[in-house]
Amino acid sequence: MNHDTFSAILAALTPDIVANLKRAIELGKWPDGRRLSEEQTKTCLEAVFVWEAKHLPEEERTGYIHHPKKEGEVCGSSHDDHHEQTVKFLH
Protein backbone atom coordinates (compact mmCIF):
# COMPACT_ATOMS: atom_id res chain seq x y z
CA MET A 1 0.00 0.00 0.00
CA ASN A 2 1.47 3.37 -0.93
CA HIS A 3 1.76 6.31 1.46
CA ASP A 4 -1.05 8.34 -0.18
CA THR A 5 -3.51 5.43 0.01
CA PHE A 6 -2.65 4.78 3.67
CA SER A 7 -3.01 8.51 4.47
CA ALA A 8 -6.43 8.57 2.82
CA ILE A 9 -7.54 5.54 4.84
CA LEU A 10 -6.31 7.14 8.08
CA ALA A 11 -8.23 10.32 7.29
CA ALA A 12 -11.45 8.32 6.88
CA LEU A 13 -11.18 6.41 10.17
CA THR A 14 -13.77 6.98 12.88
CA PRO A 15 -13.84 5.63 16.45
CA ASP A 16 -16.32 2.92 15.33
CA ILE A 17 -14.11 1.82 12.44
CA VAL A 18 -11.06 1.69 14.73
CA ALA A 19 -13.02 -0.42 17.23
CA ASN A 20 -13.98 -2.79 14.40
CA LEU A 21 -10.35 -3.03 13.26
CA LYS A 22 -9.23 -3.81 16.81
CA ARG A 23 -11.89 -6.52 17.09
CA ALA A 24 -10.80 -8.05 13.77
CA ILE A 25 -7.19 -8.08 14.98
CA GLU A 26 -8.21 -9.72 18.28
CA LEU A 27 -10.24 -12.43 16.55
CA GLY A 28 -7.99 -12.82 13.50
CA LYS A 29 -10.97 -12.50 11.19
CA TRP A 30 -13.32 -9.97 9.64
CA PRO A 31 -16.98 -9.73 10.80
CA ASP A 32 -18.02 -11.92 7.83
CA GLY A 33 -15.70 -14.72 9.03
CA ARG A 34 -12.89 -14.31 6.50
CA ARG A 35 -9.46 -14.66 8.13
CA LEU A 36 -7.10 -11.67 8.16
CA SER A 37 -3.90 -12.22 6.23
CA GLU A 38 -0.60 -11.39 7.90
CA GLU A 39 -0.36 -8.22 5.78
CA GLN A 40 -3.92 -7.17 6.67
CA THR A 41 -3.17 -7.69 10.37
CA LYS A 42 -0.02 -5.55 10.13
CA THR A 43 -1.84 -2.82 8.21
CA CYS A 44 -4.75 -2.79 10.67
CA LEU A 45 -2.35 -2.61 13.64
CA GLU A 46 -0.47 0.27 12.07
CA ALA A 47 -3.71 2.13 11.32
CA VAL A 48 -4.97 1.64 14.90
CA PHE A 49 -1.67 2.79 16.42
CA VAL A 50 -1.41 5.87 14.20
CA TRP A 51 -5.08 6.82 14.72
CA GLU A 52 -4.82 6.40 18.49
CA ALA A 53 -1.61 8.45 18.64
CA LYS A 54 -3.42 11.29 16.88
CA HIS A 55 -6.78 11.10 18.67
CA LEU A 56 -6.32 9.59 22.14
CA PRO A 57 -4.35 10.58 25.21
CA GLU A 58 -1.40 8.28 25.86
CA GLU A 59 -3.06 6.42 28.74
CA GLU A 60 -5.99 5.35 26.51
CA ARG A 61 -3.87 3.95 23.66
CA THR A 62 -3.43 0.27 22.84
CA GLY A 63 -0.43 -1.14 24.65
CA TYR A 64 -0.15 1.64 27.23
CA ILE A 65 1.35 0.50 30.54
CA HIS A 66 0.99 2.81 33.51
CA HIS A 67 4.16 3.23 35.56
CA PRO A 68 3.33 5.18 38.72
CA LYS A 69 6.13 7.39 39.97
CA LYS A 70 7.41 6.80 43.45
CA GLU A 71 7.86 9.70 45.80
CA GLY A 72 11.01 11.59 44.82
CA GLU A 73 11.56 9.55 41.65
CA VAL A 74 12.69 11.33 38.52
CA CYS A 75 11.09 9.97 35.37
CA GLY A 76 12.96 6.85 34.25
CA SER A 77 15.36 6.77 37.19
CA SER A 78 14.30 3.42 38.70
CA HIS A 79 15.42 0.65 36.32
CA ASP A 80 16.35 -1.89 38.99
CA ASP A 81 12.90 -2.06 40.60
CA HIS A 82 11.18 -5.09 38.98
CA HIS A 83 7.76 -6.18 40.16
CA GLU A 84 4.58 -7.68 38.76
CA GLN A 85 1.90 -5.32 37.41
CA THR A 86 -1.58 -5.85 36.02
CA VAL A 87 -2.17 -4.75 32.42
CA LYS A 88 -5.57 -3.20 31.71
CA PHE A 89 -6.89 -3.23 28.12
CA LEU A 90 -9.26 -0.37 27.30
CA HIS A 91 -11.87 -0.78 24.57
C-alpha atoms as a PDB file:
ATOM      1  CA  MET A   1       0.000   0.000   0.000  1.00  0.00           C
ATOM      2  CA  ASN A   2       1.474   3.367  -0.927  1.00  0.00           C
ATOM      3  CA  HIS A   3       1.760   6.313   1.455  1.00  0.00           C
ATOM      4  CA  ASP A   4      -1.055   8.345  -0.181  1.00  0.00           C
ATOM      5  CA  THR A   5      -3.511   5.435   0.012  1.00  0.00           C
ATOM      6  CA  PHE A   6      -2.652   4.781   3.666  1.00  0.00           C
ATOM      7  CA  SER A   7      -3.011   8.507   4.471  1.00  0.00           C
ATOM      8  CA  ALA A   8      -6.434   8.568   2.815  1.00  0.00           C
ATOM      9  CA  ILE A   9      -7.539   5.538   4.837  1.00  0.00           C
ATOM     10  CA  LEU A  10      -6.310   7.137   8.081  1.00  0.00           C
ATOM     11  CA  ALA A  11      -8.230  10.317   7.292  1.00  0.00           C
ATOM     12  CA  ALA A  12     -11.454   8.322   6.882  1.00  0.00           C
ATOM     13  CA  LEU A  13     -11.181   6.407  10.169  1.00  0.00           C
ATOM     14  CA  THR A  14     -13.773   6.979  12.880  1.00  0.00           C
ATOM     15  CA  PRO A  15     -13.839   5.625  16.452  1.00  0.00           C
ATOM     16  CA  ASP A  16     -16.316   2.921  15.328  1.00  0.00           C
ATOM     17  CA  ILE A  17     -14.108   1.824  12.441  1.00  0.00           C
ATOM     18  CA  VAL A  18     -11.056   1.692  14.727  1.00  0.00           C
ATOM     19  CA  ALA A  19     -13.023  -0.420  17.233  1.00  0.00           C
ATOM     20  CA  ASN A  20     -13.976  -2.790  14.397  1.00  0.00           C
ATOM     21  CA  LEU A  21     -10.349  -3.030  13.262  1.00  0.00           C
ATOM     22  CA  LYS A  22      -9.234  -3.813  16.813  1.00  0.00           C
ATOM     23  CA  ARG A  23     -11.892  -6.519  17.088  1.00  0.00           C
ATOM     24  CA  ALA A  24     -10.803  -8.052  13.768  1.00  0.00           C
ATOM     25  CA  ILE A  25      -7.192  -8.083  14.977  1.00  0.00           C
ATOM     26  CA  GLU A  26      -8.208  -9.723  18.277  1.00  0.00           C
ATOM     27  CA  LEU A  27     -10.243 -12.430  16.546  1.00  0.00           C
ATOM     28  CA  GLY A  28      -7.986 -12.822  13.503  1.00  0.00           C
ATOM     29  CA  LYS A  29     -10.967 -12.500  11.187  1.00  0.00           C
ATOM     30  CA  TRP A  30     -13.325  -9.973   9.644  1.00  0.00           C
ATOM     31  CA  PRO A  31     -16.976  -9.732  10.804  1.00  0.00           C
ATOM     32  CA  ASP A  32     -18.020 -11.921   7.833  1.00  0.00           C
ATOM     33  CA  GLY A  33     -15.702 -14.716   9.034  1.00  0.00           C
ATOM     34  CA  ARG A  34     -12.888 -14.309   6.500  1.00  0.00           C
ATOM     35  CA  ARG A  35      -9.456 -14.657   8.126  1.00  0.00           C
ATOM     36  CA  LEU A  36      -7.102 -11.674   8.155  1.00  0.00           C
ATOM     37  CA  SER A  37      -3.897 -12.218   6.226  1.00  0.00           C
ATOM     38  CA  GLU A  38      -0.595 -11.386   7.900  1.00  0.00           C
ATOM     39  CA  GLU A  39      -0.360  -8.222   5.778  1.00  0.00           C
ATOM     40  CA  GLN A  40      -3.918  -7.169   6.675  1.00  0.00           C
ATOM     41  CA  THR A  41      -3.171  -7.687  10.372  1.00  0.00           C
ATOM     42  CA  LYS A  42      -0.016  -5.549  10.133  1.00  0.00           C
ATOM     43  CA  THR A  43      -1.842  -2.816   8.210  1.00  0.00           C
ATOM     44  CA  CYS A  44      -4.747  -2.789  10.669  1.00  0.00           C
ATOM     45  CA  LEU A  45      -2.354  -2.608  13.639  1.00  0.00           C
ATOM     46  CA  GLU A  46      -0.470   0.274  12.074  1.00  0.00           C
ATOM     47  CA  ALA A  47      -3.708   2.130  11.323  1.00  0.00           C
ATOM     48  CA  VAL A  48      -4.970   1.637  14.895  1.00  0.00           C
ATOM     49  CA  PHE A  49      -1.669   2.793  16.423  1.00  0.00           C
ATOM     50  CA  VAL A  50      -1.410   5.870  14.199  1.00  0.00           C
ATOM     51  CA  TRP A  51      -5.076   6.821  14.716  1.00  0.00           C
ATOM     52  CA  GLU A  52      -4.825   6.397  18.488  1.00  0.00           C
ATOM     53  CA  ALA A  53      -1.610   8.455  18.636  1.00  0.00           C
ATOM     54  CA  LYS A  54      -3.420  11.292  16.878  1.00  0.00           C
ATOM     55  CA  HIS A  55      -6.784  11.098  18.666  1.00  0.00           C
ATOM     56  CA  LEU A  56      -6.318   9.589  22.135  1.00  0.00           C
ATOM     57  CA  PRO A  57      -4.351  10.576  25.211  1.00  0.00           C
ATOM     58  CA  GLU A  58      -1.399   8.281  25.863  1.00  0.00           C
ATOM     59  CA  GLU A  59      -3.060   6.420  28.743  1.00  0.00           C
ATOM     60  CA  GLU A  60      -5.987   5.349  26.506  1.00  0.00           C
ATOM     61  CA  ARG A  61      -3.869   3.952  23.656  1.00  0.00           C
ATOM     62  CA  THR A  62      -3.432   0.272  22.839  1.00  0.00           C
ATOM     63  CA  GLY A  63      -0.435  -1.144  24.650  1.00  0.00           C
ATOM     64  CA  TYR A  64      -0.153   1.640  27.232  1.00  0.00           C
ATOM     65  CA  ILE A  65       1.350   0.501  30.536  1.00  0.00           C
ATOM     66  CA  HIS A  66       0.992   2.813  33.511  1.00  0.00           C
ATOM     67  CA  HIS A  67       4.164   3.233  35.564  1.00  0.00           C
ATOM     68  CA  PRO A  68       3.325   5.177  38.718  1.00  0.00           C
ATOM     69  CA  LYS A  69       6.127   7.385  39.975  1.00  0.00           C
ATOM     70  CA  LYS A  70       7.411   6.796  43.446  1.00  0.00           C
ATOM     71  CA  GLU A  71       7.864   9.698  45.800  1.00  0.00           C
ATOM     72  CA  GLY A  72      11.008  11.595  44.822  1.00  0.00           C
ATOM     73  CA  GLU A  73      11.562   9.554  41.651  1.00  0.00           C
ATOM     74  CA  VAL A  74      12.691  11.331  38.524  1.00  0.00           C
ATOM     75  CA  CYS A  75      11.090   9.966  35.366  1.00  0.00           C
ATOM     76  CA  GLY A  76      12.960   6.848  34.251  1.00  0.00           C
ATOM     77  CA  SER A  77      15.357   6.769  37.194  1.00  0.00           C
ATOM     78  CA  SER A  78      14.300   3.424  38.701  1.00  0.00           C
ATOM     79  CA  HIS A  79      15.420   0.653  36.323  1.00  0.00           C
ATOM     80  CA  ASP A  80      16.347  -1.892  38.994  1.00  0.00           C
ATOM     81  CA  ASP A  81      12.895  -2.058  40.603  1.00  0.00           C
ATOM     82  CA  HIS A  82      11.181  -5.089  38.978  1.00  0.00           C
ATOM     83  CA  HIS A  83       7.758  -6.179  40.156  1.00  0.00           C
ATOM     84  CA  GLU A  84       4.577  -7.676  38.756  1.00  0.00           C
ATOM     85  CA  GLN A  85       1.897  -5.324  37.406  1.00  0.00           C
ATOM     86  CA  THR A  86      -1.579  -5.848  36.024  1.00  0.00           C
ATOM     87  CA  VAL A  87      -2.171  -4.749  32.425  1.00  0.00           C
ATOM     88  CA  LYS A  88      -5.570  -3.203  31.707  1.00  0.00           C
ATOM     89  CA  PHE A  89      -6.893  -3.229  28.121  1.00  0.00           C
ATOM     90  CA  LEU A  90      -9.261  -0.370  27.296  1.00  0.00           C
ATOM     91  CA  HIS A  91     -11.866  -0.776  24.572  1.00  0.00           C
END
